[in-house]
Amino acid sequence: QGSVLGPLLYLVYTADIPTQTSTSMATF
């Protein structure tokens, strides 16, 4: 918490969230 690298590490951790062709994904 409160770190500079924390947000980047979370993006890497959730980068492989599943997607499929019949739907579109929008994440922030």
PDB file of all heavy atoms in Angstrom:
ATOM      1  N   GLN A   1       0.832  -1.198   0.000  1.00  0.00           N
ATOM      2  CA  GLN A   1       0.000   0.000   0.000  1.00  0.00           C
ATOM      3  C   GLN A   1       0.869   1.251   0.000  1.00  0.00           C
ATOM      4  O   GLN A   1       1.864   1.327   0.707  1.00  0.00           O
ATOM      5  CB  GLN A   1      -0.892  -0.002   1.237  1.00  0.00           C
ATOM      6  CG  GLN A   1      -2.135  -0.823   1.083  1.00  0.00           C
ATOM      7  CD  GLN A   1      -3.383   0.038   1.185  1.00  0.00           C
ATOM      8  OE1 GLN A   1      -3.311   1.230   1.452  1.00  0.00           O
ATOM      9  NE2 GLN A   1      -4.522  -0.563   0.948  1.00  0.00           N
ATOM     10  N   GLY A   2       0.471   2.239  -0.785  1.00  0.00           N
ATOM     11  CA  GLY A   2       1.193   3.494  -0.846  1.00  0.00           C
ATOM     12  C   GLY A   2       2.494   3.437  -1.615  1.00  0.00           C
ATOM     13  O   GLY A   2       3.246   4.408  -1.616  1.00  0.00           O
ATOM     14  N   SER A   3       2.781   2.318  -2.286  1.00  0.00           N
ATOM     15  CA  SER A   3       4.031   2.178  -3.017  1.00  0.00           C
ATOM     16  C   SER A   3       3.864   2.635  -4.459  1.00  0.00           C
ATOM     17  O   SER A   3       2.751   2.841  -4.953  1.00  0.00           O
ATOM     18  CB  SER A   3       4.510   0.724  -2.982  1.00  0.00           C
ATOM     19  OG  SER A   3       3.576  -0.116  -3.649  1.00  0.00           O
ATOM     20  N   VAL A   4       4.979   2.759  -5.152  1.00  0.00           N
ATOM     21  CA  VAL A   4       4.967   3.146  -6.556  1.00  0.00           C
ATOM     22  C   VAL A   4       4.785   1.927  -7.448  1.00  0.00           C
ATOM     23  O   VAL A   4       4.116   1.991  -8.486  1.00  0.00           O
ATOM     24  CB  VAL A   4       6.266   3.899  -6.908  1.00  0.00           C
ATOM     25  CG1 VAL A   4       6.305   4.275  -8.378  1.00  0.00           C
ATOM     26  CG2 VAL A   4       6.415   5.137  -6.036  1.00  0.00           C
ATOM     27  N   LEU A   5       5.364   0.797  -7.061  1.00  0.00           N
ATOM     28  CA  LEU A   5       5.292  -0.422  -7.864  1.00  0.00           C
ATOM     29  C   LEU A   5       4.000  -1.199  -7.633  1.00  0.00           C
ATOM     30  O   LEU A   5       3.705  -2.121  -8.417  1.00  0.00           O
ATOM     31  CB  LEU A   5       6.482  -1.326  -7.532  1.00  0.00           C
ATOM     32  CG  LEU A   5       7.858  -0.825  -7.953  1.00  0.00           C
ATOM     33  CD1 LEU A   5       8.935  -1.771  -7.453  1.00  0.00           C
ATOM     34  CD2 LEU A   5       7.942  -0.694  -9.467  1.00  0.00           C
ATOM     35  N   GLY A   6       3.237  -0.885  -6.597  1.00  0.00           N
ATOM     36  CA  GLY A   6       2.029  -1.645  -6.287  1.00  0.00           C
ATOM     37  C   GLY A   6       1.034  -1.717  -7.433  1.00  0.00           C
ATOM     38  O   GLY A   6       0.586  -2.825  -7.789  1.00  0.00           O
ATOM     39  N   PRO A   7       0.646  -0.599  -8.060  1.00  0.00           N
ATOM     40  CA  PRO A   7      -0.305  -0.693  -9.180  1.00  0.00           C
ATOM     41  C   PRO A   7       0.209  -1.531 -10.342  1.00  0.00           C
ATOM     42  O   PRO A   7      -0.551  -2.305 -10.938  1.00  0.00           O
ATOM     43  CB  PRO A   7      -0.500   0.778  -9.586  1.00  0.00           C
ATOM     44  CG  PRO A   7      -0.190   1.553  -8.360  1.00  0.00           C
ATOM     45  CD  PRO A   7       0.898   0.803  -7.679  1.00  0.00           C
ATOM     46  N   LEU A   8       1.503  -1.405 -10.685  1.00  0.00           N
ATOM     47  CA  LEU A   8       2.049  -2.196 -11.785  1.00  0.00           C
ATOM     48  C   LEU A   8       2.012  -3.683 -11.459  1.00  0.00           C
ATOM     49  O   LEU A   8       1.689  -4.519 -12.321  1.00  0.00           O
ATOM     50  CB  LEU A   8       3.477  -1.742 -12.087  1.00  0.00           C
ATOM     51  CG  LEU A   8       4.210  -2.519 -13.181  1.00  0.00           C
ATOM     52  CD1 LEU A   8       3.526  -2.313 -14.523  1.00  0.00           C
ATOM     53  CD2 LEU A   8       5.667  -2.114 -13.253  1.00  0.00           C
ATOM     54  N   LEU A   9       2.333  -4.050 -10.228  1.00  0.00           N
ATOM     55  CA  LEU A   9       2.304  -5.458  -9.841  1.00  0.00           C
ATOM     56  C   LEU A   9       0.888  -6.013  -9.919  1.00  0.00           C
ATOM     57  O   LEU A   9       0.687  -7.177 -10.291  1.00  0.00           O
ATOM     58  CB  LEU A   9       2.870  -5.624  -8.435  1.00  0.00           C
ATOM     59  CG  LEU A   9       4.346  -5.263  -8.248  1.00  0.00           C
ATOM     60  CD1 LEU A   9       4.762  -5.427  -6.802  1.00  0.00           C
ATOM     61  CD2 LEU A   9       5.229  -6.106  -9.159  1.00  0.00           C
ATOM     62  N   TYR A  10      -0.106  -5.203  -9.584  1.00  0.00           N
ATOM     63  CA  TYR A  10      -1.486  -5.681  -9.686  1.00  0.00           C
ATOM     64  C   TYR A  10      -1.875  -5.893 -11.152  1.00  0.00           C
ATOM     65  O   TYR A  10      -2.588  -6.852 -11.477  1.00  0.00           O
ATOM     66  CB  TYR A  10      -2.437  -4.694  -9.022  1.00  0.00           C
ATOM     67  CG  TYR A  10      -3.878  -5.152  -9.065  1.00  0.00           C
ATOM     68  CD1 TYR A  10      -4.350  -6.070  -8.143  1.00  0.00           C
ATOM     69  CD2 TYR A  10      -4.752  -4.688 -10.040  1.00  0.00           C
ATOM     70  CE1 TYR A  10      -5.664  -6.513  -8.178  1.00  0.00           C
ATOM     71  CE2 TYR A  10      -6.066  -5.122 -10.092  1.00  0.00           C
ATOM     72  CZ  TYR A  10      -6.514  -6.032  -9.163  1.00  0.00           C
ATOM     73  OH  TYR A  10      -7.810  -6.465  -9.224  1.00  0.00           O
ATOM     74  N   LEU A  11      -1.424  -5.020 -12.037  1.00  0.00           N
ATOM     75  CA  LEU A  11      -1.740  -5.204 -13.454  1.00  0.00           C
ATOM     76  C   LEU A  11      -1.124  -6.489 -13.983  1.00  0.00           C
ATOM     77  O   LEU A  11      -1.742  -7.204 -14.787  1.00  0.00           O
ATOM     78  CB  LEU A  11      -1.236  -3.999 -14.262  1.00  0.00           C
ATOM     79  CG  LEU A  11      -1.859  -2.633 -13.957  1.00  0.00           C
ATOM     80  CD1 LEU A  11      -1.357  -1.595 -14.938  1.00  0.00           C
ATOM     81  CD2 LEU A  11      -3.376  -2.707 -13.961  1.00  0.00           C
ATOM     82  N   VAL A  12       0.097  -6.799 -13.564  1.00  0.00           N
ATOM     83  CA  VAL A  12       0.739  -8.045 -13.997  1.00  0.00           C
ATOM     84  C   VAL A  12      -0.004  -9.247 -13.426  1.00  0.00           C
ATOM     85  O   VAL A  12      -0.185 -10.269 -14.109  1.00  0.00           O
ATOM     86  CB  VAL A  12       2.217  -8.050 -13.576  1.00  0.00           C
ATOM     87  CG1 VAL A  12       2.869  -9.388 -13.875  1.00  0.00           C
ATOM     88  CG2 VAL A  12       2.982  -6.932 -14.279  1.00  0.00           C
ATOM     89  N   TYR A  13      -0.452  -9.132 -12.191  1.00  0.00           N
ATOM     90  CA  TYR A  13      -1.127 -10.255 -11.543  1.00  0.00           C
ATOM     91  C   TYR A  13      -2.452 -10.586 -12.217  1.00  0.00           C
ATOM     92  O   TYR A  13      -2.852 -11.762 -12.274  1.00  0.00           O
ATOM     93  CB  TYR A  13      -1.344  -9.917 -10.070  1.00  0.00           C
ATOM     94  CG  TYR A  13      -1.891 -11.054  -9.252  1.00  0.00           C
ATOM     95  CD1 TYR A  13      -1.146 -12.213  -9.057  1.00  0.00           C
ATOM     96  CD2 TYR A  13      -3.153 -10.971  -8.668  1.00  0.00           C
ATOM     97  CE1 TYR A  13      -1.645 -13.261  -8.299  1.00  0.00           C
ATOM     98  CE2 TYR A  13      -3.661 -12.008  -7.904  1.00  0.00           C
ATOM     99  CZ  TYR A  13      -2.904 -13.154  -7.719  1.00  0.00           C
ATOM    100  OH  TYR A  13      -3.396 -14.192  -6.977  1.00  0.00           O
ATOM    101  N   THR A  14      -3.161  -9.586 -12.715  1.00  0.00           N
ATOM    102  CA  THR A  14      -4.474  -9.804 -13.342  1.00  0.00           C
ATOM    103  C   THR A  14      -4.420  -9.723 -14.854  1.00  0.00           C
ATOM    104  O   THR A  14      -5.468  -9.609 -15.497  1.00  0.00           O
ATOM    105  CB  THR A  14      -5.474  -8.772 -12.815  1.00  0.00           C
ATOM    106  OG1 THR A  14      -4.988  -7.441 -13.099  1.00  0.00           O
ATOM    107  CG2 THR A  14      -5.663  -8.911 -11.318  1.00  0.00           C
ATOM    108  N   ALA A  15      -3.223  -9.786 -15.449  1.00  0.00           N
ATOM    109  CA  ALA A  15      -3.111  -9.624 -16.903  1.00  0.00           C
ATOM    110  C   ALA A  15      -3.712 -10.795 -17.658  1.00  0.00           C
ATOM    111  O   ALA A  15      -4.165 -10.629 -18.803  1.00  0.00           O
ATOM    112  CB  ALA A  15      -1.645  -9.445 -17.295  1.00  0.00           C
ATOM    113  N   ASP A  16      -3.724 -11.981 -17.075  1.00  0.00           N
ATOM    114  CA  ASP A  16      -4.240 -13.165 -17.764  1.00  0.00           C
ATOM    115  C   ASP A  16      -5.708 -13.427 -17.455  1.00  0.00           C
ATOM    116  O   ASP A  16      -6.160 -14.582 -17.547  1.00  0.00           O
ATOM    117  CB  ASP A  16      -3.403 -14.387 -17.401  1.00  0.00           C
ATOM    118  CG  ASP A  16      -3.404 -14.667 -15.900  1.00  0.00           C
ATOM    119  OD1 ASP A  16      -3.771 -13.751 -15.135  1.00  0.00           O
ATOM    120  OD2 ASP A  16      -3.022 -15.778 -15.497  1.00  0.00           O
ATOM    121  N   ILE A  17      -6.457 -12.401 -17.116  1.00  0.00           N
ATOM    122  CA  ILE A  17      -7.880 -12.571 -16.877  1.00  0.00           C
ATOM    123  C   ILE A  17      -8.535 -13.105 -18.143  1.00  0.00           C
ATOM    124  O   ILE A  17      -8.218 -12.647 -19.259  1.00  0.00           O
ATOM    125  CB  ILE A  17      -8.515 -11.244 -16.420  1.00  0.00           C
ATOM    126  CG1 ILE A  17      -9.977 -11.431 -16.037  1.00  0.00           C
ATOM    127  CG2 ILE A  17      -8.365 -10.169 -17.479  1.00  0.00           C
ATOM    128  CD1 ILE A  17     -10.601 -10.206 -15.383  1.00  0.00           C
ATOM    129  N   PRO A  18      -9.412 -14.099 -18.066  1.00  0.00           N
ATOM    130  CA  PRO A  18      -9.918 -14.745 -19.290  1.00  0.00           C
ATOM    131  C   PRO A  18     -10.788 -13.814 -20.127  1.00  0.00           C
ATOM    132  O   PRO A  18     -11.555 -12.994 -19.607  1.00  0.00           O
ATOM    133  CB  PRO A  18     -10.722 -15.938 -18.746  1.00  0.00           C
ATOM    134  CG  PRO A  18     -11.063 -15.572 -17.341  1.00  0.00           C
ATOM    135  CD  PRO A  18      -9.927 -14.743 -16.840  1.00  0.00           C
ATOM    136  N   THR A  19     -10.669 -13.963 -21.428  1.00  0.00           N
ATOM    137  CA  THR A  19     -11.488 -13.253 -22.406  1.00  0.00           C
ATOM    138  C   THR A  19     -12.021 -14.266 -23.411  1.00  0.00           C
ATOM    139  O   THR A  19     -11.528 -15.394 -23.498  1.00  0.00           O
ATOM    140  CB  THR A  19     -10.678 -12.171 -23.138  1.00  0.00           C
ATOM    141  OG1 THR A  19      -9.555 -12.785 -23.800  1.00  0.00           O
ATOM    142  CG2 THR A  19     -10.163 -11.126 -22.172  1.00  0.00           C
ATOM    143  N   GLN A  20     -13.015 -13.871 -24.167  1.00  0.00           N
ATOM    144  CA  GLN A  20     -13.542 -14.725 -25.226  1.00  0.00           C
ATOM    145  C   GLN A  20     -14.082 -13.847 -26.337  1.00  0.00           C
ATOM    146  O   GLN A  20     -14.337 -12.654 -26.154  1.00  0.00           O
ATOM    147  CB  GLN A  20     -14.615 -15.679 -24.702  1.00  0.00           C
ATOM    148  CG  GLN A  20     -15.838 -15.020 -24.110  1.00  0.00           C
ATOM    149  CD  GLN A  20     -16.826 -16.048 -23.588  1.00  0.00           C
ATOM    150  OE1 GLN A  20     -16.446 -17.151 -23.183  1.00  0.00           O
ATOM    151  NE2 GLN A  20     -18.106 -15.706 -23.607  1.00  0.00           N
ATOM    152  N   THR A  21     -14.248 -14.467 -27.510  1.00  0.00           N
ATOM    153  CA  THR A  21     -14.593 -13.706 -28.723  1.00  0.00           C
ATOM    154  C   THR A  21     -16.032 -13.207 -28.705  1.00  0.00           C
ATOM    155  O   THR A  21     -16.329 -12.188 -29.323  1.00  0.00           O
ATOM    156  CB  THR A  21     -14.382 -14.589 -29.956  1.00  0.00           C
ATOM    157  OG1 THR A  21     -15.150 -15.802 -29.812  1.00  0.00           O
ATOM    158  CG2 THR A  21     -12.899 -14.958 -30.097  1.00  0.00           C
ATOM    159  N   SER A  22     -16.936 -13.897 -28.015  1.00  0.00           N
ATOM    160  CA  SER A  22     -18.344 -13.488 -28.028  1.00  0.00           C
ATOM    161  C   SER A  22     -18.634 -12.342 -27.074  1.00  0.00           C
ATOM    162  O   SER A  22     -19.754 -11.821 -27.053  1.00  0.00           O
ATOM    163  CB  SER A  22     -19.241 -14.680 -27.676  1.00  0.00           C
ATOM    164  OG  SER A  22     -18.924 -15.183 -26.386  1.00  0.00           O
ATOM    165  N   THR A  23     -17.664 -11.937 -26.277  1.00  0.00           N
ATOM    166  CA  THR A  23     -17.841 -10.815 -25.350  1.00  0.00           C
ATOM    167  C   THR A  23     -16.656  -9.868 -25.503  1.00  0.00           C
ATOM    168  O   THR A  23     -15.614 -10.226 -26.063  1.00  0.00           O
ATOM    169  CB  THR A  23     -17.920 -11.294 -23.890  1.00  0.00           C
ATOM    170  OG1 THR A  23     -16.719 -11.996 -23.561  1.00  0.00           O
ATOM    171  CG2 THR A  23     -19.119 -12.195 -23.677  1.00  0.00           C
ATOM    172  N   SER A  24     -16.832  -8.664 -25.021  1.00  0.00           N
ATOM    173  CA  SER A  24     -15.755  -7.677 -24.988  1.00  0.00           C
ATOM    174  C   SER A  24     -15.460  -7.307 -23.539  1.00  0.00           C
ATOM    175  O   SER A  24     -16.379  -7.218 -22.714  1.00  0.00           O
ATOM    176  CB  SER A  24     -16.131  -6.425 -25.793  1.00  0.00           C
ATOM    177  OG  SER A  24     -17.247  -5.783 -25.208  1.00  0.00           O
ATOM    178  N   MET A  25     -14.186  -7.087 -23.262  1.00  0.00           N
ATOM    179  CA  MET A  25     -13.731  -6.817 -21.902  1.00  0.00           C
ATOM    180  C   MET A  25     -13.218  -5.391 -21.822  1.00  0.00           C
ATOM    181  O   MET A  25     -12.523  -4.909 -22.721  1.00  0.00           O
ATOM    182  CB  MET A  25     -12.635  -7.804 -21.519  1.00  0.00           C
ATOM    183  CG  MET A  25     -12.011  -7.564 -20.166  1.00  0.00           C
ATOM    184  SD  MET A  25     -12.989  -8.195 -18.815  1.00  0.00           S
ATOM    185  CE  MET A  25     -12.669  -9.951 -19.008  1.00  0.00           C
ATOM    186  N   ALA A  26     -13.541  -4.718 -20.726  1.00  0.00           N
ATOM    187  CA  ALA A  26     -13.036  -3.374 -20.448  1.00  0.00           C
ATOM    188  C   ALA A  26     -12.663  -3.335 -18.977  1.00  0.00           C
ATOM    189  O   ALA A  26     -13.527  -3.485 -18.106  1.00  0.00           O
ATOM    190  CB  ALA A  26     -14.084  -2.308 -20.766  1.00  0.00           C
ATOM    191  N   THR A  27     -11.378  -3.161 -18.686  1.00  0.00           N
ATOM    192  CA  THR A  27     -10.901  -3.149 -17.305  1.00  0.00           C
ATOM    193  C   THR A  27     -10.105  -1.883 -17.043  1.00  0.00           C
ATOM    194  O   THR A  27      -9.417  -1.364 -17.924  1.00  0.00           O
ATOM    195  CB  THR A  27     -10.022  -4.383 -17.013  1.00  0.00           C
ATOM    196  OG1 THR A  27      -8.946  -4.423 -17.961  1.00  0.00           O
ATOM    197  CG2 THR A  27     -10.822  -5.663 -17.108  1.00  0.00           C
ATOM    198  N   PHE A  28     -10.226  -1.410 -15.825  1.00  0.00           N
ATOM    199  CA  PHE A  28      -9.425  -0.292 -15.342  1.00  0.00           C
ATOM    200  C   PHE A  28      -9.025  -0.642 -13.916  1.00  0.00           C
ATOM    201  O   PHE A  28      -9.798  -0.463 -12.982  1.00  0.00           O
ATOM    202  CB  PHE A  28     -10.207   1.022 -15.385  1.00  0.00           C
ATOM    203  CG  PHE A  28      -9.347   2.239 -15.239  1.00  0.00           C
ATOM    204  CD1 PHE A  28      -8.911   2.933 -16.348  1.00  0.00           C
ATOM    205  CD2 PHE A  28      -8.950   2.686 -13.983  1.00  0.00           C
ATOM    206  CE1 PHE A  28      -8.119   4.048 -16.225  1.00  0.00           C
ATOM    207  CE2 PHE A  28      -8.151   3.801 -13.852  1.00  0.00           C
ATOM    208  CZ  PHE A  28      -7.727   4.489 -14.973  1.00  0.00           C
TER     209      PHE A  28
END
